[in-house]
């Protein structure tokens, strides 16, 4: 999309912000593209979620604890400093209530 088209779409949307009566053909096409992109991404997200569920099922069928597996994955997503800080707080609380 050219800069001129983007400006035209923005102006079209702004002009119709209070009570849109119609959109220009360029705005309609852009809207269709946005809707299609979101729909495709939602489909991909469902597919990926199903694949993740299958991986956890496979791990479980081989005897792995999926709760622990999820915890490991969560830890790997964290920054090392954040992970260390969270572990220190957990250790402090565990000691404070006498679980250690």
Foldseek 3Di string as FASTA:
>chain_A
DDPVLVVQLVVQCVVCVPPNPDGDPSNVVVVVVVVVVVVVVVVVVVVVVVVVVVVLVVCVVVPDDSVVVVVVVVLVVDDPVVSVVVVVVVVVVCVVVPND
